Amino acid sequence: MLVELGNVIAGFKLGAPAIKKVVPPASKVVSNLEEVIEPWQTGLGWAVLVLGVITIIDRIGAPTYMHYFSSGYPQGILATASGLVILKDDLKKFPGLYHLAQTLAPMGQIIGILALLSALYRLI
């Protein structure tokens, strides 16, 4: 459930421009929520990235202590991708992750909307 909650917040952060474009009456509310999330962006990115990696490792079968909190591959992959896109400017110390994040960054809105929708579907 933690991965889904992280995906909802990260998906909203990344998909906010698309949400504003598709639902214009909600643009003021979305902008206000974006401002609330903005100071926590780096922490959110790291949390979602770590939860996504733990979920993927847990699903592969490696023994971890997080099996009560994790979900399936889709949530883990989307959480990892969302975390990388959110942290795209903070990963310069890690060249491999930085390159991967820069590659995924143009698809950030799509990744965000997919993360948001899949997490909401999983929570419902």
PDB file of N, CA and C in Angstrom:
ATOM      1  N   MET A   1       0.813  -1.188   0.000  1.00  0.00           N
ATOM      2  CA  MET A   1       0.000   0.000   0.000  1.00  0.00           C
ATOM      3  C   MET A   1       0.865   1.265   0.000  1.00  0.00           C
ATOM      4  N   LEU A   2       2.059   1.181   0.565  1.00  0.00           N
ATOM      5  CA  LEU A   2       2.938   2.347   0.550  1.00  0.00           C
ATOM      6  C   LEU A   2       3.341   2.735  -0.865  1.00  0.00           C
ATOM      7  N   VAL A   3       3.570   1.721  -1.688  1.00  0.00           N
ATOM      8  CA  VAL A   3       3.965   1.998  -3.072  1.00  0.00           C
ATOM      9  C   VAL A   3       2.831   2.704  -3.810  1.00  0.00           C
ATOM     10  N   GLU A   4       1.617   2.261  -3.567  1.00  0.00           N
ATOM     11  CA  GLU A   4       0.476   2.898  -4.234  1.00  0.00           C
ATOM     12  C   GLU A   4       0.309   4.345  -3.787  1.00  0.00           C
ATOM     13  N   LEU A   5       0.454   4.595  -2.493  1.00  0.00           N
ATOM     14  CA  LEU A   5       0.342   5.976  -2.010  1.00  0.00           C
ATOM     15  C   LEU A   5       1.452   6.853  -2.594  1.00  0.00           C
ATOM     16  N   GLY A   6       2.648   6.307  -2.662  1.00  0.00           N
ATOM     17  CA  GLY A   6       3.736   7.045  -3.293  1.00  0.00           C
ATOM     18  C   GLY A   6       3.474   7.304  -4.762  1.00  0.00           C
ATOM     19  N   ASN A   7       2.908   6.307  -5.441  1.00  0.00           N
ATOM     20  CA  ASN A   7       2.591   6.479  -6.861  1.00  0.00           C
ATOM     21  C   ASN A   7       1.496   7.513  -7.078  1.00  0.00           C
ATOM     22  N   VAL A   8       0.535   7.589  -6.157  1.00  0.00           N
ATOM     23  CA  VAL A   8      -0.513   8.602  -6.298  1.00  0.00           C
ATOM     24  C   VAL A   8       0.104   9.999  -6.214  1.00  0.00           C
ATOM     25  N   ILE A   9       0.955  10.219  -5.226  1.00  0.00           N
ATOM     26  CA  ILE A   9       1.548  11.556  -5.050  1.00  0.00           C
ATOM     27  C   ILE A   9       2.521  11.867  -6.175  1.00  0.00           C
ATOM     28  N   ALA A  10       3.401  10.912  -6.501  1.00  0.00           N
ATOM     29  CA  ALA A  10       4.365  11.141  -7.581  1.00  0.00           C
ATOM     30  C   ALA A  10       3.664  11.279  -8.926  1.00  0.00           C
ATOM     31  N   GLY A  11       2.644  10.469  -9.155  1.00  0.00           N
ATOM     32  CA  GLY A  11       1.893  10.566 -10.404  1.00  0.00           C
ATOM     33  C   GLY A  11       1.187  11.894 -10.535  1.00  0.00           C
ATOM     34  N   PHE A  12       0.654  12.384  -9.416  1.00  0.00           N
ATOM     35  CA  PHE A  12       0.022  13.706  -9.447  1.00  0.00           C
ATOM     36  C   PHE A  12       1.064  14.785  -9.728  1.00  0.00           C
ATOM     37  N   LYS A  13       2.234  14.664  -9.106  1.00  0.00           N
ATOM     38  CA  LYS A  13       3.299  15.660  -9.312  1.00  0.00           C
ATOM     39  C   LYS A  13       3.726  15.704 -10.781  1.00  0.00           C
ATOM     40  N   LEU A  14       3.907  14.540 -11.369  1.00  0.00           N
ATOM     41  CA  LEU A  14       4.362  14.497 -12.756  1.00  0.00           C
ATOM     42  C   LEU A  14       3.238  14.769 -13.753  1.00  0.00           C
ATOM     43  N   GLY A  15       2.032  14.351 -13.429  1.00  0.00           N
ATOM     44  CA  GLY A  15       0.919  14.492 -14.367  1.00  0.00           C
ATOM     45  C   GLY A  15       0.122  15.764 -14.220  1.00  0.00           C
ATOM     46  N   ALA A  16       0.498  16.644 -13.295  1.00  0.00           N
ATOM     47  CA  ALA A  16      -0.271  17.865 -13.049  1.00  0.00           C
ATOM     48  C   ALA A  16      -0.446  18.730 -14.302  1.00  0.00           C
ATOM     49  N   PRO A  17       0.589  18.938 -15.125  1.00  0.00           N
ATOM     50  CA  PRO A  17       0.360  19.749 -16.338  1.00  0.00           C
ATOM     51  C   PRO A  17      -0.692  19.146 -17.270  1.00  0.00           C
ATOM     52  N   ALA A  18      -0.694  17.832 -17.392  1.00  0.00           N
ATOM     53  CA  ALA A  18      -1.696  17.188 -18.253  1.00  0.00           C
ATOM     54  C   ALA A  18      -3.084  17.281 -17.629  1.00  0.00           C
ATOM     55  N   ILE A  19      -3.155  17.153 -16.308  1.00  0.00           N
ATOM     56  CA  ILE A  19      -4.454  17.261 -15.632  1.00  0.00           C
ATOM     57  C   ILE A  19      -5.021  18.661 -15.824  1.00  0.00           C
ATOM     58  N   LYS A  20      -4.172  19.682 -15.708  1.00  0.00           N
ATOM     59  CA  LYS A  20      -4.638  21.063 -15.907  1.00  0.00           C
ATOM     60  C   LYS A  20      -5.131  21.281 -17.330  1.00  0.00           C
ATOM     61  N   LYS A  21      -4.479  20.631 -18.281  1.00  0.00           N
ATOM     62  CA  LYS A  21      -4.861  20.800 -19.678  1.00  0.00           C
ATOM     63  C   LYS A  21      -6.180  20.100 -19.991  1.00  0.00           C
ATOM     64  N   VAL A  22      -6.390  18.925 -19.413  1.00  0.00           N
ATOM     65  CA  VAL A  22      -7.582  18.131 -19.708  1.00  0.00           C
ATOM     66  C   VAL A  22      -8.793  18.613 -18.909  1.00  0.00           C
ATOM     67  N   VAL A  23      -8.562  19.052 -17.669  1.00  0.00           N
ATOM     68  CA  VAL A  23      -9.658  19.492 -16.799  1.00  0.00           C
ATOM     69  C   VAL A  23      -9.396  20.949 -16.389  1.00  0.00           C
ATOM     70  N   PRO A  24      -9.684  21.906 -17.275  1.00  0.00           N
ATOM     71  CA  PRO A  24      -9.384  23.311 -16.973  1.00  0.00           C
ATOM     72  C   PRO A  24     -10.037  23.863 -15.702  1.00  0.00           C
ATOM     73  N   PRO A  25     -11.260  23.468 -15.333  1.00  0.00           N
ATOM     74  CA  PRO A  25     -11.827  24.018 -14.099  1.00  0.00           C
ATOM     75  C   PRO A  25     -11.037  23.641 -12.840  1.00  0.00           C
ATOM     76  N   ALA A  26     -10.292  22.561 -12.904  1.00  0.00           N
ATOM     77  CA  ALA A  26      -9.533  22.110 -11.734  1.00  0.00           C
ATOM     78  C   ALA A  26      -8.117  22.666 -11.701  1.00  0.00           C
ATOM     79  N   SER A  27      -7.766  23.533 -12.637  1.00  0.00           N
ATOM     80  CA  SER A  27      -6.377  23.980 -12.734  1.00  0.00           C
ATOM     81  C   SER A  27      -5.920  24.770 -11.506  1.00  0.00           C
ATOM     82  N   LYS A  28      -6.822  25.537 -10.887  1.00  0.00           N
ATOM     83  CA  LYS A  28      -6.424  26.303  -9.705  1.00  0.00           C
ATOM     84  C   LYS A  28      -6.135  25.370  -8.522  1.00  0.00           C
ATOM     85  N   VAL A  29      -6.969  24.368  -8.339  1.00  0.00           N
ATOM     86  CA  VAL A  29      -6.757  23.397  -7.257  1.00  0.00           C
ATOM     87  C   VAL A  29      -5.473  22.609  -7.498  1.00  0.00           C
ATOM     88  N   VAL A  30      -5.256  22.192  -8.733  1.00  0.00           N
ATOM     89  CA  VAL A  30      -4.057  21.430  -9.076  1.00  0.00           C
ATOM     90  C   VAL A  30      -2.818  22.292  -8.848  1.00  0.00           C
ATOM     91  N   SER A  31      -2.867  23.561  -9.210  1.00  0.00           N
ATOM     92  CA  SER A  31      -1.728  24.451  -8.990  1.00  0.00           C
ATOM     93  C   SER A  31      -1.437  24.614  -7.502  1.00  0.00           C
ATOM     94  N   ASN A  32      -2.480  24.733  -6.694  1.00  0.00           N
ATOM     95  CA  ASN A  32      -2.282  24.846  -5.250  1.00  0.00           C
ATOM     96  C   ASN A  32      -1.648  23.585  -4.672  1.00  0.00           C
ATOM     97  N   LEU A  33      -2.104  22.427  -5.123  1.00  0.00           N
ATOM     98  CA  LEU A  33      -1.528  21.174  -4.644  1.00  0.00           C
ATOM     99  C   LEU A  33      -0.084  21.005  -5.115  1.00  0.00           C
ATOM    100  N   GLU A  34       0.212  21.485  -6.314  1.00  0.00           N
ATOM    101  CA  GLU A  34       1.591  21.447  -6.799  1.00  0.00           C
ATOM    102  C   GLU A  34       2.509  22.266  -5.900  1.00  0.00           C
ATOM    103  N   GLU A  35       2.035  23.437  -5.477  1.00  0.00           N
ATOM    104  CA  GLU A  35       2.834  24.281  -4.595  1.00  0.00           C
ATOM    105  C   GLU A  35       3.076  23.616  -3.244  1.00  0.00           C
ATOM    106  N   VAL A  36       2.105  22.831  -2.772  1.00  0.00           N
ATOM    107  CA  VAL A  36       2.265  22.129  -1.501  1.00  0.00           C
ATOM    108  C   VAL A  36       3.306  21.016  -1.639  1.00  0.00           C
ATOM    109  N   ILE A  37       3.309  20.316  -2.759  1.00  0.00           N
ATOM    110  CA  ILE A  37       4.217  19.188  -2.982  1.00  0.00           C
ATOM    111  C   ILE A  37       5.634  19.664  -3.297  1.00  0.00           C
ATOM    112  N   GLU A  38       5.785  20.821  -3.902  1.00  0.00           N
ATOM    113  CA  GLU A  38       7.081  21.295  -4.402  1.00  0.00           C
ATOM    114  C   GLU A  38       8.222  21.258  -3.377  1.00  0.00           C
ATOM    115  N   PRO A  39       8.043  21.718  -2.132  1.00  0.00           N
ATOM    116  CA  PRO A  39       9.168  21.669  -1.191  1.00  0.00           C
ATOM    117  C   PRO A  39       9.610  20.249  -0.838  1.00  0.00           C
ATOM    118  N   TRP A  40       8.740  19.294  -1.029  1.00  0.00           N
ATOM    119  CA  TRP A  40       9.029  17.909  -0.672  1.00  0.00           C
ATOM    120  C   TRP A  40       9.450  17.073  -1.873  1.00  0.00           C
ATOM    121  N   GLN A  41       9.746  17.699  -2.980  1.00  0.00           N
ATOM    122  CA  GLN A  41       9.997  16.994  -4.237  1.00  0.00           C
ATOM    123  C   GLN A  41      11.161  16.009  -4.139  1.00  0.00           C
ATOM    124  N   THR A  42      12.285  16.422  -3.579  1.00  0.00           N
ATOM    125  CA  THR A  42      13.449  15.539  -3.517  1.00  0.00           C
ATOM    126  C   THR A  42      13.181  14.347  -2.600  1.00  0.00           C
ATOM    127  N   GLY A  43      12.616  14.600  -1.442  1.00  0.00           N
ATOM    128  CA  GLY A  43      12.295  13.499  -0.536  1.00  0.00           C
ATOM    129  C   GLY A  43      11.286  12.539  -1.131  1.00  0.00           C
ATOM    130  N   LEU A  44      10.290  13.092  -1.805  1.00  0.00           N
ATOM    131  CA  LEU A  44       9.287  12.263  -2.481  1.00  0.00           C
ATOM    132  C   LEU A  44       9.947  11.396  -3.551  1.00  0.00           C
ATOM    133  N   GLY A  45      10.822  12.002  -4.332  1.00  0.00           N
ATOM    134  CA  GLY A  45      11.497  11.258  -5.395  1.00  0.00           C
ATOM    135  C   GLY A  45      12.316  10.094  -4.857  1.00  0.00           C
ATOM    136  N   TRP A  46      13.101  10.357  -3.805  1.00  0.00           N
ATOM    137  CA  TRP A  46      13.913   9.286  -3.221  1.00  0.00           C
ATOM    138  C   TRP A  46      13.046   8.202  -2.604  1.00  0.00           C
ATOM    139  N   ALA A  47      11.981   8.595  -1.905  1.00  0.00           N
ATOM    140  CA  ALA A  47      11.106   7.613  -1.260  1.00  0.00           C
ATOM    141  C   ALA A  47      10.446   6.708  -2.291  1.00  0.00           C
ATOM    142  N   VAL A  48       9.926   7.304  -3.345  1.00  0.00           N
ATOM    143  CA  VAL A  48       9.242   6.514  -4.375  1.00  0.00           C
ATOM    144  C   VAL A  48      10.236   5.638  -5.129  1.00  0.00           C
ATOM    145  N   LEU A  49      11.424   6.167  -5.398  1.00  0.00           N
ATOM    146  CA  LEU A  49      12.450   5.379  -6.086  1.00  0.00           C
ATOM    147  C   LEU A  49      12.849   4.165  -5.252  1.00  0.00           C
ATOM    148  N   VAL A  50      13.106   4.360  -3.977  1.00  0.00           N
ATOM    149  CA  VAL A  50      13.508   3.247  -3.107  1.00  0.00           C
ATOM    150  C   VAL A  50      12.368   2.234  -2.952  1.00  0.00           C
ATOM    151  N   LEU A  51      11.146   2.709  -2.749  1.00  0.00           N
ATOM    152  CA  LEU A  51      10.016   1.786  -2.645  1.00  0.00           C
ATOM    153  C   LEU A  51       9.818   0.991  -3.938  1.00  0.00           C
ATOM    154  N   GLY A  52      10.006   1.644  -5.074  1.00  0.00           N
ATOM    155  CA  GLY A  52       9.872   0.945  -6.350  1.00  0.00           C
ATOM    156  C   GLY A  52      10.922  -0.129  -6.530  1.00  0.00           C
ATOM    157  N   VAL A  53      12.158   0.180  -6.179  1.00  0.00           N
ATOM    158  CA  VAL A  53      13.239  -0.808  -6.307  1.00  0.00           C
ATOM    159  C   VAL A  53      13.006  -1.970  -5.346  1.00  0.00           C
ATOM    160  N   ILE A  54      12.595  -1.677  -4.107  1.00  0.00           N
ATOM    161  CA  ILE A  54      12.308  -2.744  -3.143  1.00  0.00           C
ATOM    162  C   ILE A  54      11.157  -3.625  -3.635  1.00  0.00           C
ATOM    163  N   THR A  55      10.154  -3.018  -4.234  1.00  0.00           N
ATOM    164  CA  THR A  55       9.026  -3.792  -4.750  1.00  0.00           C
ATOM    165  C   THR A  55       9.467  -4.715  -5.875  1.00  0.00           C
ATOM    166  N   ILE A  56      10.284  -4.220  -6.769  1.00  0.00           N
ATOM    167  CA  ILE A  56      10.763  -5.056  -7.879  1.00  0.00           C
ATOM    168  C   ILE A  56      11.620  -6.197  -7.341  1.00  0.00           C
ATOM    169  N   ILE A  57      12.522  -5.899  -6.416  1.00  0.00           N
ATOM    170  CA  ILE A  57      13.370  -6.945  -5.831  1.00  0.00           C
ATOM    171  C   ILE A  57      12.513  -7.970  -5.094  1.00  0.00           C
ATOM    172  N   ASP A  58      11.509  -7.500  -4.383  1.00  0.00           N
ATOM    173  CA  ASP A  58      10.630  -8.402  -3.642  1.00  0.00           C
ATOM    174  C   ASP A  58       9.867  -9.319  -4.588  1.00  0.00           C
ATOM    175  N   ARG A  59       9.401  -8.794  -5.704  1.00  0.00           N
ATOM    176  CA  ARG A  59       8.654  -9.608  -6.656  1.00  0.00           C
ATOM    177  C   ARG A  59       9.559 -10.609  -7.362  1.00  0.00           C
ATOM    178  N   ILE A  60      10.814 -10.269  -7.542  1.00  0.00           N
ATOM    179  CA  ILE A  60      11.742 -11.208  -8.183  1.00  0.00           C
ATOM    180  C   ILE A  60      11.937 -12.432  -7.289  1.00  0.00           C
ATOM    181  N   GLY A  61      11.860 -12.214  -5.975  1.00  0.00           N
ATOM    182  CA  GLY A  61      11.976 -13.337  -5.067  1.00  0.00           C
ATOM    183  C   GLY A  61      13.119 -13.211  -4.083  1.00  0.00           C
ATOM    184  N   ALA A  62      13.856 -12.128  -4.147  1.00  0.00           N
ATOM    185  CA  ALA A  62      14.931 -11.931  -3.181  1.00  0.00           C
ATOM    186  C   ALA A  62      14.315 -11.691  -1.810  1.00  0.00           C
ATOM    187  N   PRO A  63      14.890 -12.255  -0.781  1.00  0.00           N
ATOM    188  CA  PRO A  63      14.294 -12.084   0.557  1.00  0.00           C
ATOM    189  C   PRO A  63      14.458 -10.654   1.064  1.00  0.00           C
ATOM    190  N   THR A  64      13.354 -10.010   1.333  1.00  0.00           N
ATOM    191  CA  THR A  64      13.369  -8.675   1.924  1.00  0.00           C
ATOM    192  C   THR A  64      12.388  -8.675   3.085  1.00  0.00           C
ATOM    193  N   TYR A  65      12.417  -7.626   3.843  1.00  0.00           N
ATOM    194  CA  TYR A  65      11.510  -7.494   4.969  1.00  0.00           C
ATOM    195  C   TYR A  65      10.323  -6.612   4.645  1.00  0.00           C
ATOM    196  N   MET A  66      10.174  -6.228   3.392  1.00  0.00           N
ATOM    197  CA  MET A  66       9.126  -5.297   2.998  1.00  0.00           C
ATOM    198  C   MET A  66       7.981  -5.990   2.273  1.00  0.00           C
ATOM    199  N   HIS A  67       7.882  -7.321   2.319  1.00  0.00           N
ATOM    200  CA  HIS A  67       6.867  -7.985   1.513  1.00  0.00           C
ATOM    201  C   HIS A  67       5.442  -7.660   1.928  1.00  0.00           C
ATOM    202  N   TYR A  68       5.230  -7.098   3.096  1.00  0.00           N
ATOM    203  CA  TYR A  68       3.879  -6.702   3.481  1.00  0.00           C
ATOM    204  C   TYR A  68       3.477  -5.368   2.850  1.00  0.00           C
ATOM    205  N   PHE A  69       4.439  -4.579   2.417  1.00  0.00           N
ATOM    206  CA  PHE A  69       4.162  -3.246   1.906  1.00  0.00           C
ATOM    207  C   PHE A  69       4.187  -3.175   0.385  1.00  0.00           C
ATOM    208  N   SER A  70       4.732  -4.180  -0.260  1.00  0.00           N
ATOM    209  CA  SER A  70       4.958  -4.057  -1.692  1.00  0.00           C
ATOM    210  C   SER A  70       3.774  -4.547  -2.499  1.00  0.00           C
ATOM    211  N   SER A  71       3.817  -4.269  -3.780  1.00  0.00           N
ATOM    212  CA  SER A  71       2.760  -4.627  -4.713  1.00  0.00           C
ATOM    213  C   SER A  71       3.369  -5.442  -5.837  1.00  0.00           C
ATOM    214  N   GLY A  72       2.801  -5.321  -7.031  1.00  0.00           N
ATOM    215  CA  GLY A  72       3.292  -6.081  -8.157  1.00  0.00           C
ATOM    216  C   GLY A  72       4.291  -5.301  -9.000  1.00  0.00           C
ATOM    217  N   TYR A  73       4.674  -5.930 -10.106  1.00  0.00           N
ATOM    218  CA  TYR A  73       5.625  -5.305 -11.020  1.00  0.00           C
ATOM    219  C   TYR A  73       5.163  -3.946 -11.558  1.00  0.00           C
ATOM    220  N   PRO A  74       3.904  -3.798 -11.974  1.00  0.00           N
ATOM    221  CA  PRO A  74       3.518  -2.495 -12.528  1.00  0.00           C
ATOM    222  C   PRO A  74       3.720  -1.344 -11.539  1.00  0.00           C
ATOM    223  N   GLN A  75       3.341  -1.553 -10.284  1.00  0.00           N
ATOM    224  CA  GLN A  75       3.521  -0.494  -9.297  1.00  0.00           C
ATOM    225  C   GLN A  75       5.002  -0.221  -9.061  1.00  0.00           C
ATOM    226  N   GLY A  76       5.797  -1.273  -8.988  1.00  0.00           N
ATOM    227  CA  GLY A  76       7.233  -1.099  -8.753  1.00  0.00           C
ATOM    228  C   GLY A  76       7.944  -0.407  -9.901  1.00  0.00           C
ATOM    229  N   ILE A  77       7.602  -0.799 -11.111  1.00  0.00           N
ATOM    230  CA  ILE A  77       8.242  -0.188 -12.287  1.00  0.00           C
ATOM    231  C   ILE A  77       7.833   1.278 -12.412  1.00  0.00           C
ATOM    232  N   LEU A  78       6.553   1.560 -12.219  1.00  0.00           N
ATOM    233  CA  LEU A  78       6.097   2.952 -12.316  1.00  0.00           C
ATOM    234  C   LEU A  78       6.650   3.804 -11.177  1.00  0.00           C
ATOM    235  N   ALA A  79       6.776   3.229  -9.984  1.00  0.00           N
ATOM    236  CA  ALA A  79       7.359   3.979  -8.869  1.00  0.00           C
ATOM    237  C   ALA A  79       8.827   4.291  -9.142  1.00  0.00           C
ATOM    238  N   THR A  80       9.557   3.317  -9.647  1.00  0.00           N
ATOM    239  CA  THR A  80      10.969   3.541  -9.966  1.00  0.00           C
ATOM    240  C   THR A  80      11.120   4.602 -11.055  1.00  0.00           C
ATOM    241  N   ALA A  81      10.320   4.499 -12.108  1.00  0.00           N
ATOM    242  CA  ALA A  81      10.393   5.479 -13.191  1.00  0.00           C
ATOM    243  C   ALA A  81       9.980   6.868 -12.703  1.00  0.00           C
ATOM    244  N   SER A  82       8.934   6.948 -11.885  1.00  0.00           N
ATOM    245  CA  SER A  82       8.493   8.245 -11.356  1.00  0.00           C
ATOM    246  C   SER A  82       9.570   8.865 -10.476  1.00  0.00           C
ATOM    247  N   GLY A  83      10.166   8.054  -9.627  1.00  0.00           N
ATOM    248  CA  GLY A  83      11.237   8.560  -8.774  1.00  0.00           C
ATOM    249  C   GLY A  83      12.411   9.079  -9.578  1.00  0.00           C
ATOM    250  N   LEU A  84      12.781   8.363 -10.628  1.00  0.00           N
ATOM    251  CA  LEU A  84      13.891   8.815 -11.475  1.00  0.00           C
ATOM    252  C   LEU A  84      13.565  10.134 -12.166  1.00  0.00           C
ATOM    253  N   VAL A  85      12.350  10.260 -12.673  1.00  0.00           N
ATOM    254  CA  VAL A  85      11.979  11.493 -13.378  1.00  0.00           C
ATOM    255  C   VAL A  85      11.913  12.671 -12.404  1.00  0.00           C
ATOM    256  N   ILE A  86      11.380  12.436 -11.203  1.00  0.00           N
ATOM    257  CA  ILE A  86      11.314  13.521 -10.218  1.00  0.00           C
ATOM    258  C   ILE A  86      12.715  13.954  -9.805  1.00  0.00           C
ATOM    259  N   LEU A  87      13.648  13.009  -9.725  1.00  0.00           N
ATOM    260  CA  LEU A  87      15.014  13.305  -9.274  1.00  0.00           C
ATOM    261  C   LEU A  87      15.984  13.602 -10.415  1.00  0.00           C
ATOM    262  N   LYS A  88      15.481  13.853 -11.598  1.00  0.00           N
ATOM    263  CA  LYS A  88      16.358  13.957 -12.771  1.00  0.00           C
ATOM    264  C   LYS A  88      17.484  14.981 -12.618  1.00  0.00           C
ATOM    265  N   ASP A  89      17.273  16.044 -11.865  1.00  0.00           N
ATOM    266  CA  ASP A  89      18.320  17.051 -11.689  1.00  0.00           C
ATOM    267  C   ASP A  89      19.205  16.778 -10.474  1.00  0.00           C
ATOM    268  N   ASP A  90      18.774  15.902  -9.593  1.00  0.00           N
ATOM    269  CA  ASP A  90      19.523  15.616  -8.370  1.00  0.00           C
ATOM    270  C   ASP A  90      20.430  14.395  -8.486  1.00  0.00           C
ATOM    271  N   LEU A  91      20.414  13.728  -9.612  1.00  0.00           N
ATOM    272  CA  LEU A  91      21.157  12.477  -9.764  1.00  0.00           C
ATOM    273  C   LEU A  91      22.496  12.647 -10.476  1.00  0.00           C
ATOM    274  N   LYS A  92      23.058  13.834 -10.495  1.00  0.00           N
ATOM    275  CA  LYS A  92      24.307  14.055 -11.230  1.00  0.00           C
ATOM    276  C   LYS A  92      25.479  13.288 -10.626  1.00  0.00           C
ATOM    277  N   LYS A  93      25.390  12.928  -9.353  1.00  0.00           N
ATOM    278  CA  LYS A  93      26.460  12.152  -8.714  1.00  0.00           C
ATOM    279  C   LYS A  93      26.446  10.691  -9.147  1.00  0.00           C
ATOM    280  N   PHE A  94      25.352  10.261  -9.734  1.00  0.00           N
ATOM    281  CA  PHE A  94      25.195   8.880 -10.171  1.00  0.00           C
ATOM    282  C   PHE A  94      25.004   8.882 -11.693  1.00  0.00           C
ATOM    283  N   PRO A  95      26.086   8.789 -12.467  1.00  0.00           N
ATOM    284  CA  PRO A  95      25.982   8.975 -13.924  1.00  0.00           C
ATOM    285  C   PRO A  95      25.014   8.028 -14.623  1.00  0.00           C
ATOM    286  N   GLY A  96      24.969   6.770 -14.221  1.00  0.00           N
ATOM    287  CA  GLY A  96      24.065   5.832 -14.875  1.00  0.00           C
ATOM    288  C   GLY A  96      22.604   6.182 -14.632  1.00  0.00           C
ATOM    289  N   LEU A  97      22.278   6.476 -13.381  1.00  0.00           N
ATOM    290  CA  LEU A  97      20.905   6.862 -13.063  1.00  0.00           C
ATOM    291  C   LEU A  97      20.553   8.211 -13.675  1.00  0.00           C
ATOM    292  N   TYR A  98      21.537   9.107 -13.721  1.00  0.00           N
ATOM    293  CA  TYR A  98      21.294  10.426 -14.314  1.00  0.00           C
ATOM    294  C   TYR A  98      20.951  10.285 -15.792  1.00  0.00           C
ATOM    295  N   HIS A  99      21.698   9.446 -16.492  1.00  0.00           N
ATOM    296  CA  HIS A  99      21.422   9.242 -17.920  1.00  0.00           C
ATOM    297  C   HIS A  99      20.046   8.601 -18.122  1.00  0.00           C
ATOM    298  N   LEU A 100      19.711   7.615 -17.286  1.00  0.00           N
ATOM    299  CA  LEU A 100      18.402   6.976 -17.387  1.00  0.00           C
ATOM    300  C   LEU A 100      17.283   7.967 -17.087  1.00  0.00           C
ATOM    301  N   ALA A 101      17.485   8.813 -16.066  1.00  0.00           N
ATOM    302  CA  ALA A 101      16.472   9.811 -15.715  1.00  0.00           C
ATOM    303  C   ALA A 101      16.290  10.824 -16.840  1.00  0.00           C
ATOM    304  N   GLN A 102      17.387  11.249 -17.474  1.00  0.00           N
ATOM    305  CA  GLN A 102      17.282  12.192 -18.583  1.00  0.00           C
ATOM    306  C   GLN A 102      16.596  11.552 -19.785  1.00  0.00           C
ATOM    307  N   THR A 103      16.765  10.244 -19.959  1.00  0.00           N
ATOM    308  CA  THR A 103      16.089   9.535 -21.041  1.00  0.00           C
ATOM    309  C   THR A 103      14.588   9.440 -20.786  1.00  0.00           C
ATOM    310  N   LEU A 104      14.201   9.217 -19.524  1.00  0.00           N
ATOM    311  CA  LEU A 104      12.787   9.080 -19.180  1.00  0.00           C
ATOM    312  C   LEU A 104      12.069  10.423 -19.027  1.00  0.00           C
ATOM    313  N   ALA A 105      12.802  11.496 -18.806  1.00  0.00           N
ATOM    314  CA  ALA A 105      12.200  12.801 -18.502  1.00  0.00           C
ATOM    315  C   ALA A 105      11.195  13.292 -19.554  1.00  0.00           C
ATOM    316  N   PRO A 106      11.440  13.128 -20.865  1.00  0.00           N
ATOM    317  CA  PRO A 106      10.433  13.594 -21.825  1.00  0.00           C
ATOM    318  C   PRO A 106       9.084  12.876 -21.711  1.00  0.00           C
ATOM    319  N   MET A 107       9.086  11.695 -21.115  1.00  0.00           N
ATOM    320  CA  MET A 107       7.840  10.938 -20.951  1.00  0.00           C
ATOM    321  C   MET A 107       7.280  11.096 -19.540  1.00  0.00           C
ATOM    322  N   GLY A 108       7.710  12.110 -18.816  1.00  0.00           N
ATOM    323  CA  GLY A 108       7.331  12.291 -17.424  1.00  0.00           C
ATOM    324  C   GLY A 108       5.837  12.401 -17.193  1.00  0.00           C
ATOM    325  N   GLN A 109       5.150  13.153 -18.044  1.00  0.00           N
ATOM    326  CA  GLN A 109       3.701  13.293 -17.865  1.00  0.00           C
ATOM    327  C   GLN A 109       2.980  11.969 -18.091  1.00  0.00           C
ATOM    328  N   ILE A 110       3.415  11.222 -19.084  1.00  0.00           N
ATOM    329  CA  ILE A 110       2.797   9.920 -19.361  1.00  0.00           C
ATOM    330  C   ILE A 110       3.043   8.968 -18.200  1.00  0.00           C
ATOM    331  N   ILE A 111       4.282   8.925 -17.706  1.00  0.00           N
ATOM    332  CA  ILE A 111       4.617   8.074 -16.571  1.00  0.00           C
ATOM    333  C   ILE A 111       3.794   8.489 -15.355  1.00  0.00           C
ATOM    334  N   GLY A 112       3.648   9.789 -15.142  1.00  0.00           N
ATOM    335  CA  GLY A 112       2.878  10.280 -14.008  1.00  0.00           C
ATOM    336  C   GLY A 112       1.418   9.885 -14.069  1.00  0.00           C
ATOM    337  N   ILE A 113       0.808  10.062 -15.227  1.00  0.00           N
ATOM    338  CA  ILE A 113      -0.611   9.694 -15.371  1.00  0.00           C
ATOM    339  C   ILE A 113      -0.792   8.185 -15.208  1.00  0.00           C
ATOM    340  N   LEU A 114       0.114   7.381 -15.786  1.00  0.00           N
ATOM    341  CA  LEU A 114       0.027   5.931 -15.620  1.00  0.00           C
ATOM    342  C   LEU A 114       0.190   5.532 -14.160  1.00  0.00           C
ATOM    343  N   ALA A 115       1.140   6.155 -13.470  1.00  0.00           N
ATOM    344  CA  ALA A 115       1.354   5.845 -12.047  1.00  0.00           C
ATOM    345  C   ALA A 115       0.126   6.224 -11.225  1.00  0.00           C
ATOM    346  N   LEU A 116      -0.431   7.387 -11.504  1.00  0.00           N
ATOM    347  CA  LEU A 116      -1.606   7.848 -10.767  1.00  0.00           C
ATOM    348  C   LEU A 116      -2.801   6.915 -11.000  1.00  0.00           C
ATOM    349  N   LEU A 117      -3.077   6.610 -12.244  1.00  0.00           N
ATOM    350  CA  LEU A 117      -4.237   5.767 -12.560  1.00  0.00           C
ATOM    351  C   LEU A 117      -4.064   4.333 -12.041  1.00  0.00           C
ATOM    352  N   SER A 118      -2.871   3.758 -12.209  1.00  0.00           N
ATOM    353  CA  SER A 118      -2.685   2.380 -11.751  1.00  0.00           C
ATOM    354  C   SER A 118      -2.737   2.299 -10.226  1.00  0.00           C
ATOM    355  N   ALA A 119      -2.207   3.311  -9.538  1.00  0.00           N
ATOM    356  CA  ALA A 119      -2.255   3.293  -8.080  1.00  0.00           C
ATOM    357  C   ALA A 119      -3.683   3.474  -7.574  1.00  0.00           C
ATOM    358  N   LEU A 120      -4.427   4.379  -8.196  1.00  0.00           N
ATOM    359  CA  LEU A 120      -5.822   4.567  -7.791  1.00  0.00           C
ATOM    360  C   LEU A 120      -6.635   3.307  -8.051  1.00  0.00           C
ATOM    361  N   TYR A 121      -6.397   2.655  -9.178  1.00  0.00           N
ATOM    362  CA  TYR A 121      -7.091   1.409  -9.488  1.00  0.00           C
ATOM    363  C   TYR A 121      -6.761   0.333  -8.457  1.00  0.00           C
ATOM    364  N   ARG A 122      -5.488   0.260  -8.088  1.00  0.00           N
ATOM    365  CA  ARG A 122      -5.058  -0.742  -7.107  1.00  0.00           C
ATOM    366  C   ARG A 122      -5.640  -0.449  -5.720  1.00  0.00           C
ATOM    367  N   LEU A 123      -5.751   0.825  -5.358  1.00  0.00           N
ATOM    368  CA  LEU A 123      -6.282   1.181  -4.047  1.00  0.00           C
ATOM    369  C   LEU A 123      -7.796   0.969  -3.964  1.00  0.00           C
ATOM    370  N   ILE A 124      -8.468   1.082  -5.098  1.00  0.00           N
ATOM    371  CA  ILE A 124      -9.923   0.897  -5.099  1.00  0.00           C
ATOM    372  C   ILE A 124     -10.201  -0.571  -5.159  1.00  0.00           C
TER     373      ILE A 124
END
